[in-house]
């Protein structure tokens, strides 16, 4: 049996938010920016439901699956 403690992503996010003072909502708004800028993206997202696709912005690439951003990485 492995006695190591597993730290969940939820716990990490709450630590960043509550202990380090990171504004998680501001980060969420930054990740939403490329989608707010274009109605075309909304239309494409509807057509690609269930498919994974990438959205590139000036600083990053967002990986979207259905209607969820599942990860991002630097451009």
PDB file of N, CA and C in Angstrom:
ATOM      1  N   UNK A   1       0.836  -1.184   0.000  1.00  0.00           N
ATOM      2  CA  UNK A   1       0.000   0.000   0.000  1.00  0.00           C
ATOM      3  C   UNK A   1       0.884   1.253   0.000  1.00  0.00           C
ATOM      4  N   UNK A   2       0.542   2.190  -0.850  1.00  0.00           N
ATOM      5  CA  UNK A   2       1.288   3.438  -0.943  1.00  0.00           C
ATOM      6  C   UNK A   2       0.726   4.430   0.071  1.00  0.00           C
ATOM      7  N   UNK A   3       1.556   4.874   0.987  1.00  0.00           N
ATOM      8  CA  UNK A   3       1.113   5.794   2.035  1.00  0.00           C
ATOM      9  C   UNK A   3       1.325   7.258   1.664  1.00  0.00           C
ATOM     10  N   UNK A   4       1.733   7.514   0.439  1.00  0.00           N
ATOM     11  CA  UNK A   4       1.956   8.906   0.034  1.00  0.00           C
ATOM     12  C   UNK A   4       0.630   9.640  -0.113  1.00  0.00           C
ATOM     13  N   UNK A   5       0.620  10.863   0.269  1.00  0.00           N
ATOM     14  CA  UNK A   5      -0.568  11.717   0.143  1.00  0.00           C
ATOM     15  C   UNK A   5      -0.627  12.258  -1.283  1.00  0.00           C
ATOM     16  N   UNK A   6      -1.796  12.210  -1.864  1.00  0.00           N
ATOM     17  CA  UNK A   6      -2.025  12.781  -3.197  1.00  0.00           C
ATOM     18  C   UNK A   6      -2.650  14.166  -3.028  1.00  0.00           C
ATOM     19  N   UNK A   7      -2.040  15.161  -3.612  1.00  0.00           N
ATOM     20  CA  UNK A   7      -2.566  16.527  -3.568  1.00  0.00           C
ATOM     21  C   UNK A   7      -3.397  16.734  -4.833  1.00  0.00           C
ATOM     22  N   UNK A   8      -4.686  17.011  -4.685  1.00  0.00           N
ATOM     23  CA  UNK A   8      -5.563  17.182  -5.840  1.00  0.00           C
ATOM     24  C   UNK A   8      -5.352  18.548  -6.494  1.00  0.00           C
ATOM     25  N   UNK A   9      -5.764  18.649  -7.747  1.00  0.00           N
ATOM     26  CA  UNK A   9      -5.712  19.939  -8.446  1.00  0.00           C
ATOM     27  C   UNK A   9      -6.590  20.963  -7.727  1.00  0.00           C
ATOM     28  N   UNK A  10      -7.719  20.513  -7.207  1.00  0.00           N
ATOM     29  CA  UNK A  10      -8.613  21.410  -6.463  1.00  0.00           C
ATOM     30  C   UNK A  10      -7.872  22.030  -5.269  1.00  0.00           C
ATOM     31  N   UNK A  11      -7.134  21.212  -4.546  1.00  0.00           N
ATOM     32  CA  UNK A  11      -6.381  21.711  -3.394  1.00  0.00           C
ATOM     33  C   UNK A  11      -5.303  22.699  -3.828  1.00  0.00           C
ATOM     34  N   UNK A  12      -4.652  22.423  -4.945  1.00  0.00           N
ATOM     35  CA  UNK A  12      -3.620  23.333  -5.454  1.00  0.00           C
ATOM     36  C   UNK A  12      -4.238  24.679  -5.821  1.00  0.00           C
ATOM     37  N   UNK A  13      -5.365  24.646  -6.513  1.00  0.00           N
ATOM     38  CA  UNK A  13      -6.038  25.895  -6.908  1.00  0.00           C
ATOM     39  C   UNK A  13      -6.459  26.676  -5.666  1.00  0.00           C
ATOM     40  N   UNK A  14      -7.033  26.003  -4.690  1.00  0.00           N
ATOM     41  CA  UNK A  14      -7.457  26.693  -3.463  1.00  0.00           C
ATOM     42  C   UNK A  14      -6.261  27.259  -2.705  1.00  0.00           C
ATOM     43  N   UNK A  15      -5.144  26.541  -2.692  1.00  0.00           N
ATOM     44  CA  UNK A  15      -3.925  27.050  -2.057  1.00  0.00           C
ATOM     45  C   UNK A  15      -3.479  28.333  -2.759  1.00  0.00           C
ATOM     46  N   UNK A  16      -3.409  28.283  -4.087  1.00  0.00           N
ATOM     47  CA  UNK A  16      -2.989  29.467  -4.837  1.00  0.00           C
ATOM     48  C   UNK A  16      -3.916  30.654  -4.570  1.00  0.00           C
ATOM     49  N   UNK A  17      -5.206  30.360  -4.525  1.00  0.00           N
ATOM     50  CA  UNK A  17      -6.200  31.405  -4.329  1.00  0.00           C
ATOM     51  C   UNK A  17      -6.197  31.951  -2.896  1.00  0.00           C
ATOM     52  N   UNK A  18      -6.248  31.077  -1.923  1.00  0.00           N
ATOM     53  CA  UNK A  18      -6.460  31.490  -0.537  1.00  0.00           C
ATOM     54  C   UNK A  18      -5.185  31.783   0.239  1.00  0.00           C
ATOM     55  N   UNK A  19      -4.098  31.121  -0.103  1.00  0.00           N
ATOM     56  CA  UNK A  19      -2.856  31.307   0.648  1.00  0.00           C
ATOM     57  C   UNK A  19      -1.913  32.260  -0.075  1.00  0.00           C
ATOM     58  N   UNK A  20      -1.722  32.046  -1.389  1.00  0.00           N
ATOM     59  CA  UNK A  20      -0.799  32.877  -2.160  1.00  0.00           C
ATOM     60  C   UNK A  20      -1.444  34.155  -2.692  1.00  0.00           C
ATOM     61  N   UNK A  21      -2.791  34.209  -2.653  1.00  0.00           N
ATOM     62  CA  UNK A  21      -3.479  35.422  -3.097  1.00  0.00           C
ATOM     63  C   UNK A  21      -3.622  35.558  -4.604  1.00  0.00           C
ATOM     64  N   UNK A  22      -3.539  34.456  -5.330  1.00  0.00           N
ATOM     65  CA  UNK A  22      -3.692  34.493  -6.788  1.00  0.00           C
ATOM     66  C   UNK A  22      -5.164  34.701  -7.119  1.00  0.00           C
ATOM     67  N   UNK A  23      -5.459  35.632  -8.008  1.00  0.00           N
ATOM     68  CA  UNK A  23      -6.834  35.912  -8.412  1.00  0.00           C
ATOM     69  C   UNK A  23      -7.232  34.924  -9.503  1.00  0.00           C
ATOM     70  N   UNK A  24      -7.814  33.813  -9.095  1.00  0.00           N
ATOM     71  CA  UNK A  24      -8.187  32.739 -10.013  1.00  0.00           C
ATOM     72  C   UNK A  24      -9.235  33.220 -11.017  1.00  0.00           C
ATOM     73  N   UNK A  25     -10.147  34.069 -10.579  1.00  0.00           N
ATOM     74  CA  UNK A  25     -11.180  34.572 -11.484  1.00  0.00           C
ATOM     75  C   UNK A  25     -10.577  35.445 -12.586  1.00  0.00           C
ATOM     76  N   UNK A  26      -9.540  36.201 -12.257  1.00  0.00           N
ATOM     77  CA  UNK A  26      -8.862  37.015 -13.273  1.00  0.00           C
ATOM     78  C   UNK A  26      -8.188  36.114 -14.304  1.00  0.00           C
ATOM     79  N   UNK A  27      -7.616  35.025 -13.848  1.00  0.00           N
ATOM     80  CA  UNK A  27      -6.983  34.072 -14.768  1.00  0.00           C
ATOM     81  C   UNK A  27      -8.042  33.451 -15.674  1.00  0.00           C
ATOM     82  N   UNK A  28      -9.185  33.096 -15.108  1.00  0.00           N
ATOM     83  CA  UNK A  28     -10.274  32.532 -15.907  1.00  0.00           C
ATOM     84  C   UNK A  28     -10.711  33.529 -16.994  1.00  0.00           C
ATOM     85  N   UNK A  29     -10.808  34.807 -16.641  1.00  0.00           N
ATOM     86  CA  UNK A  29     -11.199  35.835 -17.629  1.00  0.00           C
ATOM     87  C   UNK A  29     -10.163  35.936 -18.746  1.00  0.00           C
ATOM     88  N   UNK A  30      -8.875  35.826 -18.413  1.00  0.00           N
ATOM     89  CA  UNK A  30      -7.826  35.859 -19.442  1.00  0.00           C
ATOM     90  C   UNK A  30      -7.962  34.675 -20.392  1.00  0.00           C
ATOM     91  N   UNK A  31      -8.277  33.501 -19.846  1.00  0.00           N
ATOM     92  CA  UNK A  31      -8.429  32.312 -20.684  1.00  0.00           C
ATOM     93  C   UNK A  31      -9.679  32.399 -21.558  1.00  0.00           C
ATOM     94  N   UNK A  32     -10.670  33.165 -21.132  1.00  0.00           N
ATOM     95  CA  UNK A  32     -11.898  33.326 -21.902  1.00  0.00           C
ATOM     96  C   UNK A  32     -11.768  34.367 -23.007  1.00  0.00           C
ATOM     97  N   UNK A  33     -10.760  35.236 -22.947  1.00  0.00           N
ATOM     98  CA  UNK A  33     -10.630  36.343 -23.897  1.00  0.00           C
ATOM     99  C   UNK A  33     -10.726  35.925 -25.370  1.00  0.00           C
ATOM    100  N   UNK A  34      -9.990  34.925 -25.808  1.00  0.00           N
ATOM    101  CA  UNK A  34     -10.085  34.573 -27.233  1.00  0.00           C
ATOM    102  C   UNK A  34     -11.504  34.202 -27.655  1.00  0.00           C
ATOM    103  N   UNK A  35     -12.295  33.665 -26.733  1.00  0.00           N
ATOM    104  CA  UNK A  35     -13.664  33.268 -27.061  1.00  0.00           C
ATOM    105  C   UNK A  35     -14.599  34.467 -27.090  1.00  0.00           C
ATOM    106  N   UNK A  36     -14.322  35.459 -26.281  1.00  0.00           N
ATOM    107  CA  UNK A  36     -15.143  36.668 -26.264  1.00  0.00           C
ATOM    108  C   UNK A  36     -14.919  37.507 -27.513  1.00  0.00           C
ATOM    109  N   UNK A  37     -13.741  37.400 -28.082  1.00  0.00           N
ATOM    110  CA  UNK A  37     -13.383  38.236 -29.227  1.00  0.00           C
ATOM    111  C   UNK A  37     -14.046  37.801 -30.525  1.00  0.00           C
ATOM    112  N   UNK A  38     -14.539  36.591 -30.570  1.00  0.00           N
ATOM    113  CA  UNK A  38     -15.029  36.117 -31.852  1.00  0.00           C
ATOM    114  C   UNK A  38     -16.274  35.246 -31.725  1.00  0.00           C
ATOM    115  N   UNK A  39     -17.340  35.650 -32.389  1.00  0.00           N
ATOM    116  CA  UNK A  39     -18.544  34.826 -32.472  1.00  0.00           C
ATOM    117  C   UNK A  39     -18.268  33.611 -33.352  1.00  0.00           C
ATOM    118  N   UNK A  40     -17.309  33.728 -34.256  1.00  0.00           N
ATOM    119  CA  UNK A  40     -16.953  32.618 -35.133  1.00  0.00           C
ATOM    120  C   UNK A  40     -16.494  31.420 -34.314  1.00  0.00           C
ATOM    121  N   UNK A  41     -15.750  31.667 -33.241  1.00  0.00           N
ATOM    122  CA  UNK A  41     -15.303  30.575 -32.379  1.00  0.00           C
ATOM    123  C   UNK A  41     -16.483  29.851 -31.741  1.00  0.00           C
ATOM    124  N   UNK A  42     -17.490  30.612 -31.339  1.00  0.00           N
ATOM    125  CA  UNK A  42     -18.677  29.978 -30.750  1.00  0.00           C
ATOM    126  C   UNK A  42     -19.347  29.066 -31.761  1.00  0.00           C
ATOM    127  N   UNK A  43     -19.468  29.542 -32.987  1.00  0.00           N
ATOM    128  CA  UNK A  43     -20.085  28.748 -34.046  1.00  0.00           C
ATOM    129  C   UNK A  43     -19.273  27.489 -34.319  1.00  0.00           C
ATOM    130  N   UNK A  44     -17.971  27.634 -34.390  1.00  0.00           N
ATOM    131  CA  UNK A  44     -17.098  26.484 -34.645  1.00  0.00           C
ATOM    132  C   UNK A  44     -17.182  25.492 -33.490  1.00  0.00           C
ATOM    133  N   UNK A  45     -17.242  25.998 -32.272  1.00  0.00           N
ATOM    134  CA  UNK A  45     -17.323  25.125 -31.097  1.00  0.00           C
ATOM    135  C   UNK A  45     -18.601  24.291 -31.133  1.00  0.00           C
ATOM    136  N   UNK A  46     -19.685  24.902 -31.557  1.00  0.00           N
ATOM    137  CA  UNK A  46     -20.952  24.163 -31.650  1.00  0.00           C
ATOM    138  C   UNK A  46     -20.848  23.033 -32.674  1.00  0.00           C
ATOM    139  N   UNK A  47     -20.178  23.292 -33.786  1.00  0.00           N
ATOM    140  CA  UNK A  47     -20.046  22.291 -34.833  1.00  0.00           C
ATOM    141  C   UNK A  47     -19.081  21.179 -34.441  1.00  0.00           C
ATOM    142  N   UNK A  48     -18.134  21.473 -33.569  1.00  0.00           N
ATOM    143  CA  UNK A  48     -17.113  20.503 -33.186  1.00  0.00           C
ATOM    144  C   UNK A  48     -17.404  19.846 -31.840  1.00  0.00           C
ATOM    145  N   UNK A  49     -18.633  19.896 -31.382  1.00  0.00           N
ATOM    146  CA  UNK A  49     -18.964  19.311 -30.082  1.00  0.00           C
ATOM    147  C   UNK A  49     -18.418  17.898 -29.980  1.00  0.00           C
ATOM    148  N   UNK A  50     -17.726  17.647 -28.881  1.00  0.00           N
ATOM    149  CA  UNK A  50     -17.158  16.327 -28.651  1.00  0.00           C
ATOM    150  C   UNK A  50     -15.772  16.163 -29.251  1.00  0.00           C
ATOM    151  N   UNK A  51     -15.386  17.042 -30.154  1.00  0.00           N
ATOM    152  CA  UNK A  51     -14.065  16.958 -30.773  1.00  0.00           C
ATOM    153  C   UNK A  51     -13.094  17.872 -30.020  1.00  0.00           C
ATOM    154  N   UNK A  52     -11.831  17.519 -30.059  1.00  0.00           N
ATOM    155  CA  UNK A  52     -10.805  18.355 -29.446  1.00  0.00           C
ATOM    156  C   UNK A  52     -10.223  19.266 -30.513  1.00  0.00           C
ATOM    157  N   UNK A  53     -10.044  20.538 -30.170  1.00  0.00           N
ATOM    158  CA  UNK A  53      -9.444  21.483 -31.103  1.00  0.00           C
ATOM    159  C   UNK A  53      -8.627  22.504 -30.317  1.00  0.00           C
ATOM    160  N   UNK A  54      -7.836  23.300 -31.029  1.00  0.00           N
ATOM    161  CA  UNK A  54      -6.959  24.284 -30.399  1.00  0.00           C
ATOM    162  C   UNK A  54      -7.362  25.681 -30.824  1.00  0.00           C
ATOM    163  N   UNK A  55      -7.252  26.607 -29.895  1.00  0.00           N
ATOM    164  CA  UNK A  55      -7.503  28.017 -30.151  1.00  0.00           C
ATOM    165  C   UNK A  55      -6.223  28.755 -29.808  1.00  0.00           C
ATOM    166  N   UNK A  56      -5.672  29.465 -30.788  1.00  0.00           N
ATOM    167  CA  UNK A  56      -4.424  30.199 -30.576  1.00  0.00           C
ATOM    168  C   UNK A  56      -4.736  31.664 -30.320  1.00  0.00           C
ATOM    169  N   UNK A  57      -4.061  32.221 -29.321  1.00  0.00           N
ATOM    170  CA  UNK A  57      -4.149  33.654 -29.066  1.00  0.00           C
ATOM    171  C   UNK A  57      -2.751  34.226 -29.178  1.00  0.00           C
ATOM    172  N   UNK A  58      -2.595  35.475 -28.820  1.00  0.00           N
ATOM    173  CA  UNK A  58      -1.284  36.105 -28.967  1.00  0.00           C
ATOM    174  C   UNK A  58      -0.214  35.480 -28.074  1.00  0.00           C
ATOM    175  N   UNK A  59      -0.588  34.930 -26.914  1.00  0.00           N
ATOM    176  CA  UNK A  59       0.401  34.400 -25.978  1.00  0.00           C
ATOM    177  C   UNK A  59       0.318  32.905 -25.721  1.00  0.00           C
ATOM    178  N   UNK A  60      -0.813  32.287 -26.104  1.00  0.00           N
ATOM    179  CA  UNK A  60      -0.996  30.897 -25.697  1.00  0.00           C
ATOM    180  C   UNK A  60      -1.835  30.118 -26.697  1.00  0.00           C
ATOM    181  N   UNK A  61      -1.833  28.817 -26.477  1.00  0.00           N
ATOM    182  CA  UNK A  61      -2.697  27.910 -27.219  1.00  0.00           C
ATOM    183  C   UNK A  61      -3.601  27.231 -26.194  1.00  0.00           C
ATOM    184  N   UNK A  62      -4.906  27.307 -26.429  1.00  0.00           N
ATOM    185  CA  UNK A  62      -5.878  26.670 -25.553  1.00  0.00           C
ATOM    186  C   UNK A  62      -6.358  25.395 -26.222  1.00  0.00           C
ATOM    187  N   UNK A  63      -6.391  24.310 -25.483  1.00  0.00           N
ATOM    188  CA  UNK A  63      -6.909  23.047 -26.004  1.00  0.00           C
ATOM    189  C   UNK A  63      -8.325  22.901 -25.472  1.00  0.00           C
ATOM    190  N   UNK A  64      -9.266  22.744 -26.405  1.00  0.00           N
ATOM    191  CA  UNK A  64     -10.684  22.703 -26.065  1.00  0.00           C
ATOM    192  C   UNK A  64     -11.237  21.339 -26.431  1.00  0.00           C
ATOM    193  N   UNK A  65     -12.022  20.785 -25.531  1.00  0.00           N
ATOM    194  CA  UNK A  65     -12.718  19.529 -25.797  1.00  0.00           C
ATOM    195  C   UNK A  65     -14.188  19.790 -25.534  1.00  0.00           C
ATOM    196  N   UNK A  66     -15.008  19.735 -26.587  1.00  0.00           N
ATOM    197  CA  UNK A  66     -16.412  20.098 -26.448  1.00  0.00           C
ATOM    198  C   UNK A  66     -16.515  21.569 -26.132  1.00  0.00           C
ATOM    199  N   UNK A  67     -17.070  21.909 -24.981  1.00  0.00           N
ATOM    200  CA  UNK A  67     -17.161  23.317 -24.589  1.00  0.00           C
ATOM    201  C   UNK A  67     -16.286  23.624 -23.377  1.00  0.00           C
ATOM    202  N   UNK A  68     -15.242  22.796 -23.146  1.00  0.00           N
ATOM    203  CA  UNK A  68     -14.359  22.982 -21.989  1.00  0.00           C
ATOM    204  C   UNK A  68     -12.917  23.202 -22.428  1.00  0.00           C
ATOM    205  N   UNK A  69     -12.287  24.217 -21.879  1.00  0.00           N
ATOM    206  CA  UNK A  69     -10.846  24.384 -22.068  1.00  0.00           C
ATOM    207  C   UNK A  69     -10.193  23.411 -21.101  1.00  0.00           C
ATOM    208  N   UNK A  70      -9.439  22.455 -21.648  1.00  0.00           N
ATOM    209  CA  UNK A  70      -8.863  21.399 -20.796  1.00  0.00           C
ATOM    210  C   UNK A  70      -7.403  21.639 -20.446  1.00  0.00           C
ATOM    211  N   UNK A  71      -6.701  22.445 -21.235  1.00  0.00           N
ATOM    212  CA  UNK A  71      -5.332  22.797 -20.901  1.00  0.00           C
ATOM    213  C   UNK A  71      -4.901  23.969 -21.764  1.00  0.00           C
ATOM    214  N   UNK A  72      -3.745  24.519 -21.457  1.00  0.00           N
ATOM    215  CA  UNK A  72      -3.158  25.579 -22.268  1.00  0.00           C
ATOM    216  C   UNK A  72      -1.642  25.487 -22.155  1.00  0.00           C
ATOM    217  N   UNK A  73      -0.971  26.055 -23.151  1.00  0.00           N
ATOM    218  CA  UNK A  73       0.476  26.096 -23.125  1.00  0.00           C
ATOM    219  C   UNK A  73       0.945  27.340 -23.872  1.00  0.00           C
ATOM    220  N   UNK A  74       2.194  27.777 -23.634  1.00  0.00           N
ATOM    221  CA  UNK A  74       2.698  28.978 -24.295  1.00  0.00           C
ATOM    222  C   UNK A  74       2.741  28.796 -25.803  1.00  0.00           C
ATOM    223  N   UNK A  75       2.508  29.869 -26.518  1.00  0.00           N
ATOM    224  CA  UNK A  75       2.546  29.834 -27.975  1.00  0.00           C
ATOM    225  C   UNK A  75       3.966  29.688 -28.450  1.00  0.00           C
TER     226      UNK A  75
END
